[in-house]
Structure formats: C-alpha cells, structure tokens
Amino acid sequence: MVYAAVLGYGTVGSGVVEILERNREIIKKRVGEEIKVKYVLDLRDFEGQPVQELIVHDFDLILKDDDVKIIAESMGGLNPAYSFVKKALESGKSVTTSNKELVAAYGAELIKTAKANGANFLFEASVGGGIPILRSLNQCLTADEITQISGILNGTTNYMLTKMTDEGLEYDDVLKQAQSMGYAEKDPTNDVEGYDSCRKTAILASIITGKRVDYEDIYTEGITNISKTDIEYAKKLGGKIKLLACAEKTDNGVWARVCPVITNKKNPLSTVDDVFNSVLVEGNMVDKVMFYGRGAGKLPTASAVVSDIIDEAKNLGSDITFGWQEDKLDILSIDDISVSKLIRVEYNDKAKAKDAVMRIFGDVAVTELEEDNGEFAFISPKQTERNVNKKINSLLNEDGISNVLGAIRAEN
C-alpha cells in the first residue's frame, strides 16, 4: 500500500480523489500495489460526503506521518502552497502539482530540493492539463534537441477567439458568454491578459533550455484589444487569430513571447478551436510533433496529476525528477525578433494614405473589407519588431493618415 495526501479539495483535488477511487484496480495493476488517499487537506468540511473522513485542517499531520509518501498539491497560488511543498520535499515526500504559478516561480528550487532529499517533484498538469507534454519531452523526445515550442495553452481565450471567429461576436459579448458557461472566471485577467499562458511558456522554455526562464522576462500580450474587425481581416486573409505561446532557440539566443497571432492554414495550430489546447514541438531530428487535448477541466487535469502519482509510486527511492538548473537564462528582447504584422490604417485621404504606406513599408498588398469603413490593412514585410514599430510610428506623421488602429503579429 502506498499512502498519498491531497492538498486542496477543489476542482482538481476532488478529481484526483475521484480517479484514484474509480480506477483503483487499474492503477493497482500498473503500480504493483494500491495507492490510497489517507488525508485531504482543506479549510472546509464536507459533511455528508465520503471525503469527510479524510479531511484534515493541519498540514503538520500530513508532514509528520511517515506512512504518507506522496503529496498532490492542488491548492493553487504561491502561499501556502510553496511552503507546504518545500517542507514536504525536505521531509523526503514526493510531490506532484498542477500549480503553474508555483512551478514557474520556484520550479528550479523545488527540483533541487527534491533531488537533495531522495524525493521527486513532478508537475505534468501545470502546462497542458490533460496533455502529456512534459512527460513526452522528458521520455519520448530525449534523442532530440528541441529547437522550438509553440502552442495554444489557454482554453478560455481559445474558446473566446473561436466564438468571435465563427459567430462574428465582439470581445465583451464573448467574455460574458464564457463566464456564464464557466470557462472564464469572474475576474478573467489571468486568462485574457495572457498571464496564465506566460507562466506555462516559462516552464516549457526552462525545460527545453535546461535553465530558469523567468516568466517576468517573457513579452506577454493578451486578447483584450482584439476586435470583431481584426477577426474579419484575419478571415479575409485566410487565417485565424490565436493566442500563441512561443519559445525558440536561435543562433543568437533564446526568445519567448505570448501574444495574439494571425495563423495561416499551414500551421496546424490554426485548426485547434473551442476550449482545446495544443502544443507543437520541433526537434532537430524528429521535425514537428503535435500534442492535442483538453488543457483544463476537472478530470483531464486530475488525470495528469494521477499519472505523476503513479510514476512516483513506482519509483519510490529513485530519482525521476527532471527540469532545469537554477541559473537564470537571459532571453532576447522582443525588439530584436523578426516579425510581420497586420497593420490597420485609418485614413482621411485613401490615396495619400496608401502612398505613405508604400513609401515606408515597400510594395505591400492592401486589404480592405467589403464595407467602406474608412480604413485598410496590410501585412508588413518581415523585419525586427523594433523596425516595424518605428515605421508604424512614422505613419502617424503622414498626410492622409488619421490613425493606426492596431497591429497584430501575422505568419507569412
């Protein structure tokens, strides 16, 4: 018998308990012995529910119980999650977590602590929910140098952009719909501003580089400024707007960003819609490999946590923790990365405005919507972000141009 404890009986924690019970016999066969939840830590009581007999309110009861070998942290946030996880690892207990905020902020430190104390620290569910991306990077693609990762890592924003594309809705209307369906929180900031995807990107970038990538260094832009008109331009160009998380190794260094991108039909990520997530991995030998599935939700996320529990149960006393060193990696400035952008220009004199665009950006193809709304758009030639932005600013001083209404990165 392997005893485990679950910290937090919310959406993910309750899913972990449910899976361990429902799939008990299957898990027993795969581990060689039964995994049993001995404690569930929560501030609340659950009178009338079977889990109540497992509920404790004092973490020290779990920490001091030598029978407990594995802890699943599903509390979220940094405090007290960080303190509890570190103490557990220091006591020799293995930990698995779905907490991307914790892993992004303290992953390297907790990995080191686990190794120093004969424990394991696994965090599969922290990036792709039910998508086995970290395990695949660590076990299936170890023959390759991973050169690039790009993905849709947030189901809420992908659902919203899908609805805007398919139904021609504005951002505010779609947000209300997502909230009513439970896909978006009452305060959706972490999702719609890209912070959730940013932390997941930091974890992926750290793994493929072997060093700590600070999420605060990653350029992050959400979807709050994406409009129905932006969507219409993207559709006219044969593309879709997606919130893409990217990290890439180049000869000059590593860059990472999270931002809306107009994806073209050649990119398989453009076909990923609704609440689904996907990660596209490029290796120097395997070329491109794509992972697809539900990036959130009770049972998909809990399934990834339980997979970690099973790995830890099968390897008690063995080091299977993977990750990155504590040394921080300085990533390239976004200003130095080559990019194309869809630039929307509002004009008071169309001919003069087009002349100005051609003079500054070269011979670009102008796109106009069927309805004459006093604007047009074009995709800039690929060059550094710094140069594109400088040219955009210069447009504002040109005769015939009233305003630059927006600029969205676009794939060629």
Protein backbone atom coordinates (compact mmCIF):
# COMPACT_ATOMS: atom_id res chain seq x y z
CA MET A 1 0.00 0.00 0.00
CA VAL A 2 1.26 3.45 -0.96
CA TYR A 3 -0.36 6.27 1.00
CA ALA A 4 -0.91 9.69 -0.52
CA ALA A 5 -2.33 13.02 0.61
CA VAL A 6 -4.15 15.66 -1.42
CA LEU A 7 -3.77 19.36 -0.61
CA GLY A 8 -6.93 21.21 -1.59
CA TYR A 9 -10.30 19.64 -2.38
CA GLY A 10 -11.32 21.99 -5.17
CA THR A 11 -11.82 21.17 -8.83
CA VAL A 12 -8.51 19.37 -9.40
CA GLY A 13 -8.11 17.91 -5.91
CA SER A 14 -11.55 16.33 -5.94
CA GLY A 15 -10.78 14.96 -9.40
CA VAL A 16 -7.60 13.32 -8.10
CA VAL A 17 -9.51 11.60 -5.31
CA GLU A 18 -12.21 10.50 -7.76
CA ILE A 19 -9.77 9.00 -10.27
CA LEU A 20 -7.79 7.16 -7.62
CA GLU A 21 -11.03 5.59 -6.40
CA ARG A 22 -12.74 4.90 -9.75
CA ASN A 23 -9.62 3.49 -11.40
CA ARG A 24 -8.26 1.84 -8.27
CA GLU A 25 -7.87 -1.64 -9.77
CA ILE A 26 -6.29 -0.42 -13.00
CA ILE A 27 -3.85 1.74 -11.06
CA LYS A 28 -3.05 -1.14 -8.68
CA LYS A 29 -2.09 -3.36 -11.61
CA ARG A 30 0.15 -0.67 -13.09
CA VAL A 31 1.89 0.19 -9.83
CA GLY A 32 2.01 -3.27 -8.34
CA GLU A 33 0.24 -2.15 -5.18
CA GLU A 34 -2.71 0.02 -4.20
CA ILE A 35 -2.47 3.79 -3.88
CA LYS A 36 -4.72 5.04 -1.11
CA VAL A 37 -5.52 8.62 -0.12
CA LYS A 38 -5.01 8.92 3.64
CA TYR A 39 -5.58 12.66 4.05
CA VAL A 40 -7.23 15.54 2.22
CA LEU A 41 -6.20 18.97 3.47
CA ASP A 42 -8.79 21.72 3.17
CA LEU A 43 -10.06 24.68 5.17
CA ARG A 44 -13.60 23.43 4.71
CA ASP A 45 -15.54 20.45 5.98
CA PHE A 46 -17.67 18.31 3.68
CA GLU A 47 -20.34 16.93 5.96
CA GLY A 48 -22.36 14.14 4.42
CA GLN A 49 -19.74 13.37 1.78
CA PRO A 50 -17.43 10.29 1.88
CA VAL A 51 -14.36 12.52 1.69
CA GLN A 52 -15.14 13.99 5.13
CA GLU A 53 -13.44 11.07 6.89
CA LEU A 54 -10.19 12.05 5.13
CA ILE A 55 -10.41 15.79 5.80
CA VAL A 56 -7.77 17.43 8.00
CA HIS A 57 -7.10 21.11 8.58
CA ASP A 58 -3.50 20.91 9.84
CA PHE A 59 -0.73 20.29 7.30
CA ASP A 60 1.63 19.13 10.05
CA LEU A 61 -0.47 15.97 10.49
CA ILE A 62 0.43 15.02 6.94
CA LEU A 63 4.03 16.17 7.19
CA LYS A 64 4.73 14.10 10.33
CA ASP A 65 3.04 10.93 9.08
CA ASP A 66 5.78 8.67 7.75
CA ASP A 67 3.20 6.48 6.00
CA VAL A 68 2.47 9.28 3.52
CA LYS A 69 4.97 9.00 0.67
CA ILE A 70 3.31 11.18 -1.97
CA ILE A 71 1.54 14.53 -1.84
CA ALA A 72 -0.61 16.02 -4.61
CA GLU A 73 -0.76 19.82 -4.30
CA SER A 74 -3.84 21.35 -5.92
CA MET A 75 -4.34 24.44 -3.79
CA GLY A 76 -3.17 26.95 -6.39
CA GLY A 77 -1.30 30.20 -5.80
CA LEU A 78 2.01 30.61 -4.04
CA ASN A 79 1.06 30.78 -0.38
CA PRO A 80 0.87 28.49 1.46
CA ALA A 81 1.46 26.10 -1.46
CA TYR A 82 5.17 26.93 -1.75
CA SER A 83 5.82 26.49 1.97
CA PHE A 84 3.89 23.20 2.13
CA VAL A 85 5.55 21.72 -0.95
CA LYS A 86 9.06 22.66 0.15
CA LYS A 87 8.55 21.21 3.63
CA ALA A 88 7.16 18.02 2.13
CA LEU A 89 10.15 17.60 -0.19
CA GLU A 90 12.59 18.35 2.64
CA SER A 91 10.96 15.55 4.62
CA GLY A 92 11.54 13.12 1.75
CA LYS A 93 7.96 13.01 0.47
CA SER A 94 7.44 13.18 -3.28
CA VAL A 95 5.15 15.90 -4.60
CA THR A 96 3.13 16.42 -7.77
CA THR A 97 1.38 19.67 -8.58
CA SER A 98 -0.90 21.25 -11.17
CA ASN A 99 0.09 24.72 -9.95
CA LYS A 100 1.75 26.55 -12.87
CA GLU A 101 2.27 29.67 -10.78
CA LEU A 102 4.26 27.67 -8.25
CA VAL A 103 6.32 25.82 -10.86
CA ALA A 104 7.05 28.96 -12.89
CA ALA A 105 8.21 30.87 -9.81
CA TYR A 106 10.02 28.16 -7.80
CA GLY A 107 10.39 25.15 -10.08
CA ALA A 108 14.19 25.04 -10.17
CA GLU A 109 14.47 25.42 -6.40
CA LEU A 110 11.89 22.71 -5.70
CA ILE A 111 13.50 20.33 -8.19
CA LYS A 112 16.83 20.82 -6.40
CA THR A 113 15.20 20.29 -3.01
CA ALA A 114 13.57 17.06 -4.19
CA LYS A 115 16.84 15.65 -5.51
CA ALA A 116 18.68 16.56 -2.31
CA ASN A 117 16.17 14.65 -0.18
CA GLY A 118 15.60 11.49 -2.22
CA ALA A 119 12.17 12.63 -3.36
CA ASN A 120 10.58 13.52 -6.69
CA PHE A 121 8.84 16.70 -7.82
CA LEU A 122 6.63 16.27 -10.89
CA PHE A 123 4.33 18.82 -12.50
CA GLU A 124 2.84 17.41 -15.70
CA ALA A 125 -0.54 19.08 -15.18
CA SER A 126 0.97 22.54 -14.75
CA VAL A 127 1.32 23.21 -18.50
CA GLY A 128 -1.11 21.29 -20.67
CA GLY A 129 -3.72 19.99 -18.25
CA GLY A 130 -4.50 16.53 -19.61
CA ILE A 131 -1.97 16.81 -22.47
CA PRO A 132 1.16 14.76 -21.65
CA ILE A 133 3.62 17.31 -22.96
CA LEU A 134 6.25 17.34 -20.19
CA ARG A 135 6.43 13.55 -19.94
CA SER A 136 6.81 13.39 -23.72
CA LEU A 137 9.65 15.91 -23.70
CA ASN A 138 11.40 14.00 -20.93
CA GLN A 139 10.85 10.45 -22.13
CA CYS A 140 9.86 10.32 -25.81
CA LEU A 141 11.90 13.11 -27.38
CA THR A 142 15.15 12.77 -25.45
CA ALA A 143 17.11 11.98 -28.65
CA ASP A 144 16.35 15.44 -30.00
CA GLU A 145 17.44 18.95 -29.29
CA ILE A 146 14.14 20.80 -29.01
CA THR A 147 14.55 23.98 -31.02
CA GLN A 148 11.07 25.47 -30.86
CA ILE A 149 7.80 25.12 -28.99
CA SER A 150 4.61 26.93 -29.88
CA GLY A 151 1.16 26.31 -28.56
CA ILE A 152 -2.33 27.28 -27.53
CA LEU A 153 -2.07 26.94 -23.77
CA ASN A 154 -5.24 28.58 -22.52
CA GLY A 155 -8.67 27.14 -23.20
CA THR A 156 -10.60 30.23 -22.13
CA THR A 157 -9.02 32.55 -24.67
CA ASN A 158 -9.13 29.92 -27.40
CA TYR A 159 -12.86 29.45 -26.79
CA MET A 160 -13.41 33.21 -26.96
CA LEU A 161 -11.42 33.68 -30.17
CA THR A 162 -13.22 30.71 -31.74
CA LYS A 163 -16.61 32.25 -30.92
CA MET A 164 -15.53 35.63 -32.28
CA THR A 165 -14.39 33.94 -35.50
CA ASP A 166 -17.35 31.61 -36.02
CA GLU A 167 -20.17 33.88 -34.86
CA GLY A 168 -18.87 37.39 -35.57
CA LEU A 169 -19.19 38.47 -31.94
CA GLU A 170 -17.34 41.28 -30.18
CA TYR A 171 -14.92 40.64 -27.32
CA ASP A 172 -17.18 41.86 -24.50
CA ASP A 173 -20.10 39.70 -25.63
CA VAL A 174 -17.94 36.60 -25.89
CA LEU A 175 -16.40 37.20 -22.47
CA LYS A 176 -19.85 37.33 -20.86
CA GLN A 177 -20.76 34.10 -22.64
CA ALA A 178 -17.55 32.40 -21.48
CA GLN A 179 -18.22 33.49 -17.90
CA SER A 180 -21.80 32.25 -17.99
CA MET A 181 -20.58 28.82 -19.17
CA GLY A 182 -17.88 28.60 -16.51
CA TYR A 183 -14.99 28.84 -18.97
CA ALA A 184 -13.90 32.25 -17.68
CA GLU A 185 -13.57 33.40 -14.08
CA LYS A 186 -15.45 36.38 -12.67
CA ASP A 187 -12.08 38.12 -12.82
CA PRO A 188 -10.67 36.77 -16.12
CA THR A 189 -7.42 38.75 -16.01
CA ASN A 190 -5.04 35.79 -15.77
CA ASP A 191 -6.53 34.25 -18.89
CA VAL A 192 -7.39 37.18 -21.16
CA GLU A 193 -4.22 39.17 -20.43
CA GLY A 194 -2.06 36.13 -21.21
CA TYR A 195 -0.58 35.64 -17.72
CA ASP A 196 -1.67 32.01 -17.50
CA SER A 197 -0.07 31.18 -20.85
CA CYS A 198 3.04 33.16 -19.89
CA ARG A 199 3.74 31.03 -16.83
CA LYS A 200 3.25 27.85 -18.84
CA THR A 201 5.60 29.20 -21.50
CA ALA A 202 8.24 29.88 -18.86
CA ILE A 203 8.04 26.25 -17.72
CA LEU A 204 8.36 24.90 -21.27
CA ALA A 205 11.19 27.29 -22.11
CA SER A 206 13.03 26.29 -18.95
CA ILE A 207 12.74 22.61 -19.80
CA ILE A 208 13.99 22.91 -23.39
CA THR A 209 16.91 25.15 -22.38
CA GLY A 210 17.83 23.47 -19.09
CA LYS A 211 17.99 26.83 -17.34
CA ARG A 212 15.50 29.02 -15.48
CA VAL A 213 13.47 31.30 -17.72
CA ASP A 214 11.79 33.99 -15.63
CA TYR A 215 8.19 34.48 -16.67
CA GLU A 216 8.52 38.19 -15.94
CA ASP A 217 11.02 38.43 -18.82
CA ILE A 218 8.58 36.98 -21.36
CA TYR A 219 6.79 39.51 -23.55
CA THR A 220 3.09 39.00 -22.84
CA GLU A 221 0.07 40.45 -24.61
CA GLY A 222 -3.49 39.23 -24.16
CA ILE A 223 -6.61 39.31 -26.31
CA THR A 224 -8.45 42.23 -24.70
CA ASN A 225 -7.77 44.52 -27.67
CA ILE A 226 -8.83 42.02 -30.34
CA SER A 227 -11.96 43.26 -32.10
CA LYS A 228 -14.52 41.87 -34.49
CA THR A 229 -12.84 43.89 -37.24
CA ASP A 230 -9.46 42.28 -36.53
CA ILE A 231 -11.13 38.89 -36.87
CA GLU A 232 -12.68 39.92 -40.20
CA TYR A 233 -9.32 40.95 -41.63
CA ALA A 234 -7.77 37.66 -40.50
CA LYS A 235 -10.58 35.68 -42.15
CA LYS A 236 -10.24 37.64 -45.39
CA LEU A 237 -6.56 36.76 -45.43
CA GLY A 238 -7.40 33.08 -44.88
CA GLY A 239 -6.14 32.96 -41.31
CA LYS A 240 -7.32 32.80 -37.72
CA ILE A 241 -6.26 34.80 -34.68
CA LYS A 242 -4.91 32.60 -31.89
CA LEU A 243 -3.24 33.45 -28.60
CA LEU A 244 0.09 31.73 -29.24
CA ALA A 245 2.77 30.95 -26.71
CA CYS A 246 6.19 30.54 -28.34
CA ALA A 247 9.74 29.81 -27.29
CA GLU A 248 12.58 29.29 -29.73
CA LYS A 249 16.32 28.66 -29.70
CA THR A 250 18.23 30.68 -32.29
CA ASP A 251 21.90 31.16 -33.10
CA ASN A 252 21.74 34.45 -31.20
CA GLY A 253 19.96 33.14 -28.11
CA VAL A 254 16.50 32.19 -26.88
CA TRP A 255 13.34 34.25 -27.22
CA ALA A 256 9.85 33.71 -25.85
CA ARG A 257 6.56 35.54 -26.12
CA VAL A 258 2.80 35.21 -25.62
CA CYS A 259 0.59 37.24 -27.95
CA PRO A 260 -2.24 37.11 -30.49
CA VAL A 261 -1.03 35.90 -33.90
CA ILE A 262 -2.80 35.55 -37.22
CA THR A 263 -2.04 31.92 -38.02
CA ASN A 264 -2.16 30.69 -41.59
CA LYS A 265 -3.65 27.44 -42.86
CA LYS A 266 -0.25 25.75 -42.98
CA ASN A 267 0.01 25.96 -39.20
CA PRO A 268 -1.82 23.01 -37.60
CA LEU A 269 -2.49 25.14 -34.52
CA SER A 270 -4.94 27.16 -36.63
CA THR A 271 -7.29 24.16 -36.56
CA VAL A 272 -7.40 23.99 -32.76
CA ASP A 273 -10.70 25.51 -31.66
CA ASP A 274 -13.03 25.84 -28.69
CA VAL A 275 -11.58 25.05 -25.23
CA PHE A 276 -8.94 22.67 -26.59
CA ASN A 277 -5.21 23.24 -26.21
CA SER A 278 -2.33 22.08 -28.35
CA VAL A 279 1.47 22.19 -28.32
CA LEU A 280 3.65 21.99 -31.43
CA VAL A 281 7.19 20.81 -30.72
CA GLU A 282 10.05 21.00 -33.21
CA GLY A 283 13.17 18.90 -32.75
CA ASN A 284 16.36 18.86 -34.76
CA MET A 285 15.79 15.20 -35.70
CA VAL A 286 12.11 14.39 -35.30
CA ASP A 287 10.99 17.60 -37.04
CA LYS A 288 7.49 18.59 -35.86
CA VAL A 289 5.30 16.74 -33.35
CA MET A 290 1.91 17.97 -32.19
CA PHE A 291 0.07 17.26 -28.93
CA TYR A 292 -3.65 18.00 -28.63
CA GLY A 293 -6.28 17.67 -25.94
CA ARG A 294 -8.14 19.33 -23.11
CA GLY A 295 -5.84 21.75 -21.37
CA ALA A 296 -8.11 22.25 -18.37
CA GLY A 297 -11.09 20.75 -16.60
CA LYS A 298 -11.51 18.60 -13.54
CA LEU A 299 -10.80 15.10 -14.80
CA PRO A 300 -8.32 15.85 -17.64
CA THR A 301 -6.10 17.86 -15.30
CA ALA A 302 -6.54 15.40 -12.44
CA SER A 303 -5.62 12.57 -14.82
CA ALA A 304 -2.22 14.19 -15.39
CA VAL A 305 -1.74 14.60 -11.63
CA VAL A 306 -2.60 10.95 -11.01
CA SER A 307 -0.16 9.91 -13.75
CA ASP A 308 2.55 11.70 -11.77
CA ILE A 309 1.42 9.98 -8.58
CA ILE A 310 1.69 6.62 -10.32
CA ASP A 311 5.20 7.42 -11.58
CA GLU A 312 6.26 8.47 -8.10
CA ALA A 313 4.71 5.37 -6.52
CA LYS A 314 6.54 3.11 -8.98
CA ASN A 315 9.83 4.89 -8.31
CA LEU A 316 9.96 5.45 -4.57
CA GLY A 317 13.61 5.99 -3.71
CA SER A 318 14.59 6.54 -7.36
CA ASP A 319 15.26 9.92 -8.95
CA ILE A 320 12.89 10.56 -11.86
CA THR A 321 12.58 14.32 -11.39
CA PHE A 322 13.54 16.31 -14.46
CA GLY A 323 13.65 20.03 -15.04
CA TRP A 324 16.21 22.78 -15.16
CA GLN A 325 19.06 24.40 -13.29
CA GLU A 326 18.62 27.40 -11.03
CA ASP A 327 20.87 29.57 -13.23
CA LYS A 328 18.74 32.23 -14.89
CA LEU A 329 18.76 32.42 -18.67
CA ASP A 330 18.63 35.92 -20.11
CA ILE A 331 16.33 35.78 -23.11
CA LEU A 332 16.44 38.00 -26.16
CA SER A 333 14.50 41.24 -26.25
CA ILE A 334 11.29 41.03 -28.25
CA ASP A 335 12.52 44.12 -30.13
CA ASP A 336 15.22 42.03 -31.82
CA ILE A 337 12.91 39.26 -33.07
CA SER A 338 11.84 39.28 -36.73
CA VAL A 339 8.11 39.64 -37.23
CA SER A 340 5.39 40.55 -39.71
CA LYS A 341 2.33 42.47 -38.58
CA LEU A 342 -1.14 43.13 -39.88
CA ILE A 343 -1.38 46.90 -39.58
CA ARG A 344 -4.74 48.69 -39.74
CA VAL A 345 -4.65 52.26 -41.04
CA GLU A 346 -7.47 54.78 -40.68
CA TYR A 347 -7.38 57.42 -43.42
CA ASN A 348 -8.87 60.78 -44.34
CA ASP A 349 -7.41 60.54 -47.82
CA LYS A 350 -7.12 56.96 -49.10
CA ALA A 351 -4.76 57.70 -51.99
CA LYS A 352 -2.31 59.67 -49.84
CA ALA A 353 -2.51 57.05 -47.08
CA LYS A 354 -1.68 54.23 -49.48
CA ASP A 355 1.20 56.23 -50.98
CA ALA A 356 2.62 56.77 -47.49
CA VAL A 357 2.37 53.07 -46.65
CA MET A 358 4.13 52.06 -49.88
CA ARG A 359 6.87 54.61 -49.33
CA ILE A 360 7.56 53.48 -45.76
CA PHE A 361 6.91 49.73 -45.95
CA GLY A 362 7.52 48.98 -49.62
CA ASP A 363 5.23 47.31 -52.14
CA VAL A 364 2.73 45.66 -49.79
CA ALA A 365 -0.69 44.20 -50.61
CA VAL A 366 -3.53 46.28 -49.21
CA THR A 367 -6.61 44.52 -47.84
CA GLU A 368 -9.99 46.21 -47.47
CA LEU A 369 -13.24 44.93 -46.03
CA GLU A 370 -16.35 44.93 -48.17
CA GLU A 371 -17.94 47.68 -46.13
CA ASP A 372 -16.16 51.02 -46.61
CA ASN A 373 -15.26 51.82 -43.01
CA GLY A 374 -12.55 54.40 -43.64
CA GLU A 375 -9.63 52.07 -43.15
CA PHE A 376 -7.49 49.43 -44.82
CA ALA A 377 -4.89 46.95 -43.65
CA PHE A 378 -1.66 45.41 -44.89
CA ILE A 379 0.92 42.90 -43.70
CA SER A 380 4.37 44.35 -43.19
CA PRO A 381 7.47 42.63 -44.60
CA LYS A 382 9.32 40.56 -42.00
CA GLN A 383 11.88 42.56 -40.02
CA THR A 384 12.74 43.21 -36.39
CA GLU A 385 9.96 44.27 -34.07
CA ARG A 386 11.89 47.45 -33.37
CA ASN A 387 11.95 48.44 -37.03
CA VAL A 388 8.29 47.59 -37.62
CA ASN A 389 7.21 49.69 -34.63
CA LYS A 390 9.39 52.58 -35.73
CA LYS A 391 7.76 52.55 -39.16
CA ILE A 392 4.28 52.31 -37.62
CA ASN A 393 5.00 55.41 -35.56
CA SER A 394 6.20 57.26 -38.63
CA LEU A 395 2.86 56.59 -40.34
CA LEU A 396 1.16 58.83 -37.79
CA ASN A 397 3.00 61.84 -39.20
CA GLU A 398 1.93 61.22 -42.79
CA ASP A 399 -0.69 63.21 -44.71
CA GLY A 400 -3.85 61.24 -45.38
CA ILE A 401 -3.48 59.01 -42.31
CA SER A 402 -5.73 59.72 -39.33
CA ASN A 403 -4.60 56.90 -37.06
CA VAL A 404 -3.06 53.44 -36.81
CA LEU A 405 -5.87 51.33 -35.36
CA GLY A 406 -3.88 48.26 -34.44
CA ALA A 407 -1.04 45.90 -35.24
CA ILE A 408 -1.27 42.13 -34.83
CA ARG A 409 1.60 39.75 -35.47
CA ALA A 410 1.00 37.56 -38.50
CA GLU A 411 2.54 34.44 -40.00
CA ASN A 412 3.77 34.79 -43.56
